[in-house]
Amino acid sequence: MSDHRPPQTQLVETVRDLIKTQQVTQAIKEKELDIELERIRSNEKIALESINAQKGDRNEQIQAISSLHLQRNVLIGLGIVSAVVIIICRSSDQI
């Protein structure tokens, strides 16, 4: 098949085809960038939720430890008070 169009016409058509191809390529790249941006936003959201969950877990751990310390201190206090009461009672019996 021979093409009987003038060389300038062929050149213009080739340039048009090249421009169309570049436009399609550009559109594809824009879509890829949109997808990448959405992926980044999704990862950011997941990371923030993970950090918040860790903060919540850490706060629960701190509250549990504080509660255990309070219970321990109450038991120690009761032990000391009991010991003092016993010592006082024994001292009163000896007098």
PDB file of N, CA and C in Angstrom:
ATOM      1  N   MET A   1       0.838  -1.170   0.000  1.00  0.00           N
ATOM      2  CA  MET A   1       0.000   0.000   0.000  1.00  0.00           C
ATOM      3  C   MET A   1       0.885   1.235   0.000  1.00  0.00           C
ATOM      4  N   SER A   2       0.770   1.993  -1.038  1.00  0.00           N
ATOM      5  CA  SER A   2       1.546   3.228  -1.049  1.00  0.00           C
ATOM      6  C   SER A   2       0.640   4.375  -0.676  1.00  0.00           C
ATOM      7  N   ASP A   3       1.233   5.312   0.018  1.00  0.00           N
ATOM      8  CA  ASP A   3       0.490   6.470   0.498  1.00  0.00           C
ATOM      9  C   ASP A   3       0.772   7.615  -0.452  1.00  0.00           C
ATOM     10  N   HIS A   4      -0.297   8.160  -1.057  1.00  0.00           N
ATOM     11  CA  HIS A   4      -0.129   9.204  -2.063  1.00  0.00           C
ATOM     12  C   HIS A   4      -0.351  10.594  -1.493  1.00  0.00           C
ATOM     13  N   ARG A   5      -0.324  10.709  -0.182  1.00  0.00           N
ATOM     14  CA  ARG A   5      -0.499  12.022   0.425  1.00  0.00           C
ATOM     15  C   ARG A   5       0.819  12.779   0.384  1.00  0.00           C
ATOM     16  N   PRO A   6       0.729  14.079   0.366  1.00  0.00           N
ATOM     17  CA  PRO A   6       1.972  14.870   0.375  1.00  0.00           C
ATOM     18  C   PRO A   6       2.709  14.673   1.700  1.00  0.00           C
ATOM     19  N   PRO A   7       4.040  14.790   1.713  1.00  0.00           N
ATOM     20  CA  PRO A   7       4.831  14.582   2.928  1.00  0.00           C
ATOM     21  C   PRO A   7       4.411  15.489   4.070  1.00  0.00           C
ATOM     22  N   GLN A   8       4.008  16.710   3.777  1.00  0.00           N
ATOM     23  CA  GLN A   8       3.602  17.625   4.849  1.00  0.00           C
ATOM     24  C   GLN A   8       2.338  17.119   5.544  1.00  0.00           C
ATOM     25  N   THR A   9       1.432  16.585   4.777  1.00  0.00           N
ATOM     26  CA  THR A   9       0.190  16.051   5.350  1.00  0.00           C
ATOM     27  C   THR A   9       0.508  14.852   6.245  1.00  0.00           C
ATOM     28  N   GLN A  10       1.394  13.993   5.788  1.00  0.00           N
ATOM     29  CA  GLN A  10       1.805  12.839   6.598  1.00  0.00           C
ATOM     30  C   GLN A  10       2.463  13.308   7.900  1.00  0.00           C
ATOM     31  N   LEU A  11       3.298  14.325   7.776  1.00  0.00           N
ATOM     32  CA  LEU A  11       3.971  14.859   8.952  1.00  0.00           C
ATOM     33  C   LEU A  11       2.970  15.432   9.951  1.00  0.00           C
ATOM     34  N   VAL A  12       1.998  16.176   9.452  1.00  0.00           N
ATOM     35  CA  VAL A  12       0.968  16.759  10.316  1.00  0.00           C
ATOM     36  C   VAL A  12       0.177  15.650  11.004  1.00  0.00           C
ATOM     37  N   GLU A  13      -0.190  14.623  10.273  1.00  0.00           N
ATOM     38  CA  GLU A  13      -0.948  13.504  10.859  1.00  0.00           C
ATOM     39  C   GLU A  13      -0.108  12.765  11.898  1.00  0.00           C
ATOM     40  N   THR A  14       1.158  12.600  11.617  1.00  0.00           N
ATOM     41  CA  THR A  14       2.060  11.935  12.567  1.00  0.00           C
ATOM     42  C   THR A  14       2.187  12.756  13.840  1.00  0.00           C
ATOM     43  N   VAL A  15       2.308  14.071  13.699  1.00  0.00           N
ATOM     44  CA  VAL A  15       2.394  14.948  14.865  1.00  0.00           C
ATOM     45  C   VAL A  15       1.097  14.898  15.665  1.00  0.00           C
ATOM     46  N   ARG A  16      -0.033  14.869  14.966  1.00  0.00           N
ATOM     47  CA  ARG A  16      -1.330  14.764  15.660  1.00  0.00           C
ATOM     48  C   ARG A  16      -1.417  13.455  16.430  1.00  0.00           C
ATOM     49  N   ASP A  17      -0.989  12.368  15.788  1.00  0.00           N
ATOM     50  CA  ASP A  17      -1.004  11.063  16.470  1.00  0.00           C
ATOM     51  C   ASP A  17      -0.091  11.079  17.695  1.00  0.00           C
ATOM     52  N   LEU A  18       1.067  11.715  17.549  1.00  0.00           N
ATOM     53  CA  LEU A  18       2.006  11.816  18.663  1.00  0.00           C
ATOM     54  C   LEU A  18       1.390  12.621  19.811  1.00  0.00           C
ATOM     55  N   ILE A  19       0.724  13.709  19.478  1.00  0.00           N
ATOM     56  CA  ILE A  19       0.076  14.543  20.501  1.00  0.00           C
ATOM     57  C   ILE A  19      -1.023  13.752  21.211  1.00  0.00           C
ATOM     58  N   LYS A  20      -1.820  13.005  20.432  1.00  0.00           N
ATOM     59  CA  LYS A  20      -2.877  12.186  21.041  1.00  0.00           C
ATOM     60  C   LYS A  20      -2.271  11.148  21.980  1.00  0.00           C
ATOM     61  N   THR A  21      -1.196  10.532  21.544  1.00  0.00           N
ATOM     62  CA  THR A  21      -0.524   9.528  22.373  1.00  0.00           C
ATOM     63  C   THR A  21       0.000  10.158  23.656  1.00  0.00           C
ATOM     64  N   GLN A  22       0.587  11.333  23.546  1.00  0.00           N
ATOM     65  CA  GLN A  22       1.101  12.025  24.728  1.00  0.00           C
ATOM     66  C   GLN A  22      -0.040  12.424  25.674  1.00  0.00           C
ATOM     67  N   GLN A  23      -1.160  12.823  25.106  1.00  0.00           N
ATOM     68  CA  GLN A  23      -2.313  13.182  25.940  1.00  0.00           C
ATOM     69  C   GLN A  23      -2.814  11.960  26.712  1.00  0.00           C
ATOM     70  N   VAL A  24      -2.878  10.827  26.012  1.00  0.00           N
ATOM     71  CA  VAL A  24      -3.323   9.594  26.678  1.00  0.00           C
ATOM     72  C   VAL A  24      -2.321   9.204  27.771  1.00  0.00           C
ATOM     73  N   THR A  25      -1.038   9.301  27.444  1.00  0.00           N
ATOM     74  CA  THR A  25      -0.001   8.984  28.423  1.00  0.00           C
ATOM     75  C   THR A  25      -0.101   9.909  29.629  1.00  0.00           C
ATOM     76  N   GLN A  26      -0.323  11.179  29.380  1.00  0.00           N
ATOM     77  CA  GLN A  26      -0.463  12.156  30.464  1.00  0.00           C
ATOM     78  C   GLN A  26      -1.678  11.828  31.330  1.00  0.00           C
ATOM     79  N   ALA A  27      -2.774  11.467  30.697  1.00  0.00           N
ATOM     80  CA  ALA A  27      -3.987  11.113  31.451  1.00  0.00           C
ATOM     81  C   ALA A  27      -3.735   9.878  32.321  1.00  0.00           C
ATOM     82  N   ILE A  28      -3.011   8.918  31.777  1.00  0.00           N
ATOM     83  CA  ILE A  28      -2.689   7.707  32.541  1.00  0.00           C
ATOM     84  C   ILE A  28      -1.813   8.064  33.739  1.00  0.00           C
ATOM     85  N   LYS A  29      -0.813   8.908  33.519  1.00  0.00           N
ATOM     86  CA  LYS A  29       0.063   9.311  34.615  1.00  0.00           C
ATOM     87  C   LYS A  29      -0.707  10.065  35.696  1.00  0.00           C
ATOM     88  N   GLU A  30      -1.649  10.905  35.295  1.00  0.00           N
ATOM     89  CA  GLU A  30      -2.464  11.624  36.274  1.00  0.00           C
ATOM     90  C   GLU A  30      -3.297  10.656  37.107  1.00  0.00           C
ATOM     91  N   LYS A  31      -3.857   9.647  36.455  1.00  0.00           N
ATOM     92  CA  LYS A  31      -4.638   8.632  37.180  1.00  0.00           C
ATOM     93  C   LYS A  31      -3.736   7.874  38.148  1.00  0.00           C
ATOM     94  N   GLU A  32      -2.523   7.528  37.689  1.00  0.00           N
ATOM     95  CA  GLU A  32      -1.586   6.832  38.565  1.00  0.00           C
ATOM     96  C   GLU A  32      -1.240   7.692  39.777  1.00  0.00           C
ATOM     97  N   LEU A  33      -1.044   8.985  39.569  1.00  0.00           N
ATOM     98  CA  LEU A  33      -0.754   9.889  40.678  1.00  0.00           C
ATOM     99  C   LEU A  33      -1.936   9.995  41.631  1.00  0.00           C
ATOM    100  N   ASP A  34      -3.146  10.036  41.077  1.00  0.00           N
ATOM    101  CA  ASP A  34      -4.343  10.072  41.929  1.00  0.00           C
ATOM    102  C   ASP A  34      -4.425   8.815  42.791  1.00  0.00           C
ATOM    103  N   ILE A  35      -4.131   7.671  42.180  1.00  0.00           N
ATOM    104  CA  ILE A  35      -4.162   6.404  42.916  1.00  0.00           C
ATOM    105  C   ILE A  35      -3.088   6.403  44.003  1.00  0.00           C
ATOM    106  N   GLU A  36      -1.892   6.870  43.665  1.00  0.00           N
ATOM    107  CA  GLU A  36      -0.803   6.929  44.642  1.00  0.00           C
ATOM    108  C   GLU A  36      -1.152   7.871  45.790  1.00  0.00           C
ATOM    109  N   LEU A  37      -1.759   9.001  45.479  1.00  0.00           N
ATOM    110  CA  LEU A  37      -2.168   9.946  46.520  1.00  0.00           C
ATOM    111  C   LEU A  37      -3.206   9.310  47.437  1.00  0.00           C
ATOM    112  N   GLU A  38      -4.137   8.590  46.881  1.00  0.00           N
ATOM    113  CA  GLU A  38      -5.159   7.915  47.679  1.00  0.00           C
ATOM    114  C   GLU A  38      -4.520   6.838  48.561  1.00  0.00           C
ATOM    115  N   ARG A  39      -3.528   6.134  48.020  1.00  0.00           N
ATOM    116  CA  ARG A  39      -2.825   5.119  48.794  1.00  0.00           C
ATOM    117  C   ARG A  39      -2.095   5.765  49.975  1.00  0.00           C
ATOM    118  N   ILE A  40      -1.456   6.885  49.735  1.00  0.00           N
ATOM    119  CA  ILE A  40      -0.735   7.603  50.791  1.00  0.00           C
ATOM    120  C   ILE A  40      -1.714   8.078  51.864  1.00  0.00           C
ATOM    121  N   ARG A  41      -2.831   8.634  51.440  1.00  0.00           N
ATOM    122  CA  ARG A  41      -3.836   9.097  52.413  1.00  0.00           C
ATOM    123  C   ARG A  41      -4.369   7.932  53.244  1.00  0.00           C
ATOM    124  N   SER A  42      -4.588   6.809  52.579  1.00  0.00           N
ATOM    125  CA  SER A  42      -5.084   5.631  53.288  1.00  0.00           C
ATOM    126  C   SER A  42      -4.055   5.149  54.307  1.00  0.00           C
ATOM    127  N   ASN A  43      -2.794   5.097  53.898  1.00  0.00           N
ATOM    128  CA  ASN A  43      -1.733   4.685  54.830  1.00  0.00           C
ATOM    129  C   ASN A  43      -1.615   5.651  55.999  1.00  0.00           C
ATOM    130  N   GLU A  44      -1.772   6.936  55.722  1.00  0.00           N
ATOM    131  CA  GLU A  44      -1.707   7.941  56.785  1.00  0.00           C
ATOM    132  C   GLU A  44      -2.846   7.726  57.782  1.00  0.00           C
ATOM    133  N   LYS A  45      -4.027   7.472  57.254  1.00  0.00           N
ATOM    134  CA  LYS A  45      -5.185   7.239  58.121  1.00  0.00           C
ATOM    135  C   LYS A  45      -4.970   6.001  58.992  1.00  0.00           C
ATOM    136  N   ILE A  46      -4.462   4.939  58.385  1.00  0.00           N
ATOM    137  CA  ILE A  46      -4.191   3.709  59.136  1.00  0.00           C
ATOM    138  C   ILE A  46      -3.151   3.966  60.218  1.00  0.00           C
ATOM    139  N   ALA A  47      -2.098   4.706  59.869  1.00  0.00           N
ATOM    140  CA  ALA A  47      -1.036   5.001  60.837  1.00  0.00           C
ATOM    141  C   ALA A  47      -1.580   5.815  62.007  1.00  0.00           C
ATOM    142  N   LEU A  48      -2.395   6.828  61.714  1.00  0.00           N
ATOM    143  CA  LEU A  48      -2.965   7.652  62.790  1.00  0.00           C
ATOM    144  C   LEU A  48      -3.880   6.839  63.695  1.00  0.00           C
ATOM    145  N   GLU A  49      -4.674   5.958  63.099  1.00  0.00           N
ATOM    146  CA  GLU A  49      -5.559   5.119  63.904  1.00  0.00           C
ATOM    147  C   GLU A  49      -4.752   4.157  64.768  1.00  0.00           C
ATOM    148  N   SER A  50      -3.658   3.652  64.221  1.00  0.00           N
ATOM    149  CA  SER A  50      -2.784   2.763  64.988  1.00  0.00           C
ATOM    150  C   SER A  50      -2.167   3.502  66.163  1.00  0.00           C
ATOM    151  N   ILE A  51      -1.707   4.726  65.927  1.00  0.00           N
ATOM    152  CA  ILE A  51      -1.120   5.534  67.001  1.00  0.00           C
ATOM    153  C   ILE A  51      -2.157   5.800  68.086  1.00  0.00           C
ATOM    154  N   ASN A  52      -3.369   6.151  67.678  1.00  0.00           N
ATOM    155  CA  ASN A  52      -4.427   6.414  68.659  1.00  0.00           C
ATOM    156  C   ASN A  52      -4.760   5.160  69.459  1.00  0.00           C
ATOM    157  N   ALA A  53      -4.771   4.008  68.787  1.00  0.00           N
ATOM    158  CA  ALA A  53      -5.052   2.749  69.482  1.00  0.00           C
ATOM    159  C   ALA A  53      -3.943   2.452  70.492  1.00  0.00           C
ATOM    160  N   GLN A  54      -2.703   2.712  70.097  1.00  0.00           N
ATOM    161  CA  GLN A  54      -1.582   2.485  71.015  1.00  0.00           C
ATOM    162  C   GLN A  54      -1.669   3.420  72.214  1.00  0.00           C
ATOM    163  N   LYS A  55      -2.077   4.664  71.969  1.00  0.00           N
ATOM    164  CA  LYS A  55      -2.239   5.608  73.077  1.00  0.00           C
ATOM    165  C   LYS A  55      -3.303   5.097  74.043  1.00  0.00           C
ATOM    166  N   GLY A  56      -4.400   4.599  73.485  1.00  0.00           N
ATOM    167  CA  GLY A  56      -5.476   4.069  74.319  1.00  0.00           C
ATOM    168  C   GLY A  56      -4.998   2.883  75.131  1.00  0.00           C
ATOM    169  N   ASP A  57      -4.250   1.975  74.479  1.00  0.00           N
ATOM    170  CA  ASP A  57      -3.707   0.821  75.196  1.00  0.00           C
ATOM    171  C   ASP A  57      -2.754   1.276  76.297  1.00  0.00           C
ATOM    172  N   ARG A  58      -1.926   2.243  75.979  1.00  0.00           N
ATOM    173  CA  ARG A  58      -0.955   2.750  76.961  1.00  0.00           C
ATOM    174  C   ARG A  58      -1.687   3.379  78.144  1.00  0.00           C
ATOM    175  N   ASN A  59      -2.738   4.144  77.873  1.00  0.00           N
ATOM    176  CA  ASN A  59      -3.509   4.756  78.962  1.00  0.00           C
ATOM    177  C   ASN A  59      -4.154   3.681  79.837  1.00  0.00           C
ATOM    178  N   GLU A  60      -4.661   2.618  79.211  1.00  0.00           N
ATOM    179  CA  GLU A  60      -5.264   1.529  79.985  1.00  0.00           C
ATOM    180  C   GLU A  60      -4.211   0.844  80.851  1.00  0.00           C
ATOM    181  N   GLN A  61      -3.012   0.665  80.305  1.00  0.00           N
ATOM    182  CA  GLN A  61      -1.934   0.039  81.075  1.00  0.00           C
ATOM    183  C   GLN A  61      -1.568   0.914  82.281  1.00  0.00           C
ATOM    184  N   ILE A  62      -1.467   2.208  82.044  1.00  0.00           N
ATOM    185  CA  ILE A  62      -1.116   3.134  83.127  1.00  0.00           C
ATOM    186  C   ILE A  62      -2.188   3.100  84.209  1.00  0.00           C
ATOM    187  N   GLN A  63      -3.453   3.091  83.822  1.00  0.00           N
ATOM    188  CA  GLN A  63      -4.536   3.049  84.803  1.00  0.00           C
ATOM    189  C   GLN A  63      -4.500   1.746  85.594  1.00  0.00           C
ATOM    190  N   ALA A  64      -4.233   0.639  84.918  1.00  0.00           N
ATOM    191  CA  ALA A  64      -4.178  -0.654  85.606  1.00  0.00           C
ATOM    192  C   ALA A  64      -3.021  -0.681  86.602  1.00  0.00           C
ATOM    193  N   ILE A  65      -1.867  -0.178  86.196  1.00  0.00           N
ATOM    194  CA  ILE A  65      -0.706  -0.152  87.095  1.00  0.00           C
ATOM    195  C   ILE A  65      -0.974   0.774  88.274  1.00  0.00           C
ATOM    196  N   SER A  66      -1.579   1.924  88.011  1.00  0.00           N
ATOM    197  CA  SER A  66      -1.910   2.859  89.094  1.00  0.00           C
ATOM    198  C   SER A  66      -2.865   2.213  90.088  1.00  0.00           C
ATOM    199  N   SER A  67      -3.828   1.485  89.573  1.00  0.00           N
ATOM    200  CA  SER A  67      -4.790   0.807  90.436  1.00  0.00           C
ATOM    201  C   SER A  67      -4.082  -0.242  91.291  1.00  0.00           C
ATOM    202  N   LEU A  68      -3.158  -0.999  90.689  1.00  0.00           N
ATOM    203  CA  LEU A  68      -2.413  -2.004  91.444  1.00  0.00           C
ATOM    204  C   LEU A  68      -1.548  -1.353  92.529  1.00  0.00           C
ATOM    205  N   HIS A  69      -0.915  -0.241  92.208  1.00  0.00           N
ATOM    206  CA  HIS A  69      -0.108   0.473  93.190  1.00  0.00           C
ATOM    207  C   HIS A  69      -0.973   0.976  94.346  1.00  0.00           C
ATOM    208  N   LEU A  70      -2.136   1.489  94.014  1.00  0.00           N
ATOM    209  CA  LEU A  70      -3.041   1.974  95.057  1.00  0.00           C
ATOM    210  C   LEU A  70      -3.460   0.823  95.967  1.00  0.00           C
ATOM    211  N   GLN A  71      -3.823  -0.301  95.371  1.00  0.00           N
ATOM    212  CA  GLN A  71      -4.227  -1.467  96.171  1.00  0.00           C
ATOM    213  C   GLN A  71      -3.075  -1.935  97.057  1.00  0.00           C
ATOM    214  N   ARG A  72      -1.870  -1.976  96.492  1.00  0.00           N
ATOM    215  CA  ARG A  72      -0.703  -2.396  97.271  1.00  0.00           C
ATOM    216  C   ARG A  72      -0.473  -1.446  98.448  1.00  0.00           C
ATOM    217  N   ASN A  73      -0.562  -0.134  98.174  1.00  0.00           N
ATOM    218  CA  ASN A  73      -0.349   0.848  99.238  1.00  0.00           C
ATOM    219  C   ASN A  73      -1.418   0.749 100.320  1.00  0.00           C
ATOM    220  N   VAL A  74      -2.654   0.476  99.930  1.00  0.00           N
ATOM    221  CA  VAL A  74      -3.736   0.308 100.910  1.00  0.00           C
ATOM    222  C   VAL A  74      -3.453  -0.911 101.780  1.00  0.00           C
ATOM    223  N   LEU A  75      -3.027  -2.015 101.150  1.00  0.00           N
ATOM    224  CA  LEU A  75      -2.722  -3.221 101.920  1.00  0.00           C
ATOM    225  C   LEU A  75      -1.538  -2.997 102.861  1.00  0.00           C
ATOM    226  N   ILE A  76      -0.519  -2.307 102.400  1.00  0.00           N
ATOM    227  CA  ILE A  76       0.626  -1.994 103.259  1.00  0.00           C
ATOM    228  C   ILE A  76       0.171  -1.119 104.425  1.00  0.00           C
ATOM    229  N   GLY A  77      -0.652  -0.126 104.125  1.00  0.00           N
ATOM    230  CA  GLY A  77      -1.177   0.751 105.179  1.00  0.00           C
ATOM    231  C   GLY A  77      -1.974  -0.030 106.207  1.00  0.00           C
ATOM    232  N   LEU A  78      -2.834  -0.928 105.717  1.00  0.00           N
ATOM    233  CA  LEU A  78      -3.625  -1.752 106.653  1.00  0.00           C
ATOM    234  C   LEU A  78      -2.722  -2.642 107.493  1.00  0.00           C
ATOM    235  N   GLY A  79      -1.671  -3.173 106.878  1.00  0.00           N
ATOM    236  CA  GLY A  79      -0.720  -4.010 107.613  1.00  0.00           C
ATOM    237  C   GLY A  79      -0.023  -3.219 108.695  1.00  0.00           C
ATOM    238  N   ILE A  80       0.401  -2.011 108.375  1.00  0.00           N
ATOM    239  CA  ILE A  80       1.082  -1.157 109.359  1.00  0.00           C
ATOM    240  C   ILE A  80       0.127  -0.805 110.492  1.00  0.00           C
ATOM    241  N   VAL A  81      -1.091  -0.397 110.147  1.00  0.00           N
ATOM    242  CA  VAL A  81      -2.083  -0.051 111.179  1.00  0.00           C
ATOM    243  C   VAL A  81      -2.359  -1.263 112.051  1.00  0.00           C
ATOM    244  N   SER A  82      -2.503  -2.433 111.446  1.00  0.00           N
ATOM    245  CA  SER A  82      -2.759  -3.654 112.229  1.00  0.00           C
ATOM    246  C   SER A  82      -1.589  -3.950 113.160  1.00  0.00           C
ATOM    247  N   ALA A  83      -0.381  -3.800 112.651  1.00  0.00           N
ATOM    248  CA  ALA A  83       0.806  -4.058 113.480  1.00  0.00           C
ATOM    249  C   ALA A  83       0.856  -3.086 114.648  1.00  0.00           C
ATOM    250  N   VAL A  84       0.579  -1.818 114.401  1.00  0.00           N
ATOM    251  CA  VAL A  84       0.587  -0.810 115.463  1.00  0.00           C
ATOM    252  C   VAL A  84      -0.479  -1.144 116.498  1.00  0.00           C
ATOM    253  N   VAL A  85      -1.667  -1.514 116.035  1.00  0.00           N
ATOM    254  CA  VAL A  85      -2.756  -1.858 116.961  1.00  0.00           C
ATOM    255  C   VAL A  85      -2.355  -3.070 117.797  1.00  0.00           C
ATOM    256  N   ILE A  86      -1.758  -4.072 117.188  1.00  0.00           N
ATOM    257  CA  ILE A  86      -1.342  -5.266 117.917  1.00  0.00           C
ATOM    258  C   ILE A  86      -0.275  -4.916 118.945  1.00  0.00           C
ATOM    259  N   ILE A  87       0.693  -4.095 118.538  1.00  0.00           N
ATOM    260  CA  ILE A  87       1.756  -3.682 119.455  1.00  0.00           C
ATOM    261  C   ILE A  87       1.167  -2.888 120.625  1.00  0.00           C
ATOM    262  N   ILE A  88       0.234  -2.012 120.360  1.00  0.00           N
ATOM    263  CA  ILE A  88      -0.396  -1.209 121.417  1.00  0.00           C
ATOM    264  C   ILE A  88      -1.175  -2.141 122.353  1.00  0.00           C
ATOM    265  N   CYS A  89      -1.900  -3.078 121.789  1.00  0.00           N
ATOM    266  CA  CYS A  89      -2.703  -4.009 122.619  1.00  0.00           C
ATOM    267  C   CYS A  89      -1.793  -4.852 123.503  1.00  0.00           C
ATOM    268  N   ARG A  90      -0.686  -5.319 122.957  1.00  0.00           N
ATOM    269  CA  ARG A  90       0.224  -6.131 123.755  1.00  0.00           C
ATOM    270  C   ARG A  90       0.909  -5.283 124.840  1.00  0.00           C
ATOM    271  N   SER A  91       1.199  -4.030 124.488  1.00  0.00           N
ATOM    272  CA  SER A  91       1.826  -3.143 125.481  1.00  0.00           C
ATOM    273  C   SER A  91       0.838  -2.845 126.615  1.00  0.00           C
ATOM    274  N   SER A  92      -0.434  -2.701 126.319  1.00  0.00           N
ATOM    275  CA  SER A  92      -1.424  -2.397 127.345  1.00  0.00           C
ATOM    276  C   SER A  92      -1.592  -3.617 128.266  1.00  0.00           C
ATOM    277  N   ASP A  93      -1.472  -4.800 127.743  1.00  0.00           N
ATOM    278  CA  ASP A  93      -1.632  -5.999 128.564  1.00  0.00           C
ATOM    279  C   ASP A  93      -0.446  -6.169 129.509  1.00  0.00           C
ATOM    280  N   GLN A  94       0.702  -5.702 129.116  1.00  0.00           N
ATOM    281  CA  GLN A  94       1.906  -5.872 129.941  1.00  0.00           C
ATOM    282  C   GLN A  94       1.966  -4.867 131.083  1.00  0.00           C
ATOM    283  N   ILE A  95       1.262  -3.785 130.989  1.00  0.00           N
ATOM    284  CA  ILE A  95       1.324  -2.753 132.031  1.00  0.00           C
ATOM    285  C   ILE A  95       0.555  -3.167 133.215  1.00  0.00           C
TER     286      ILE A  95
END
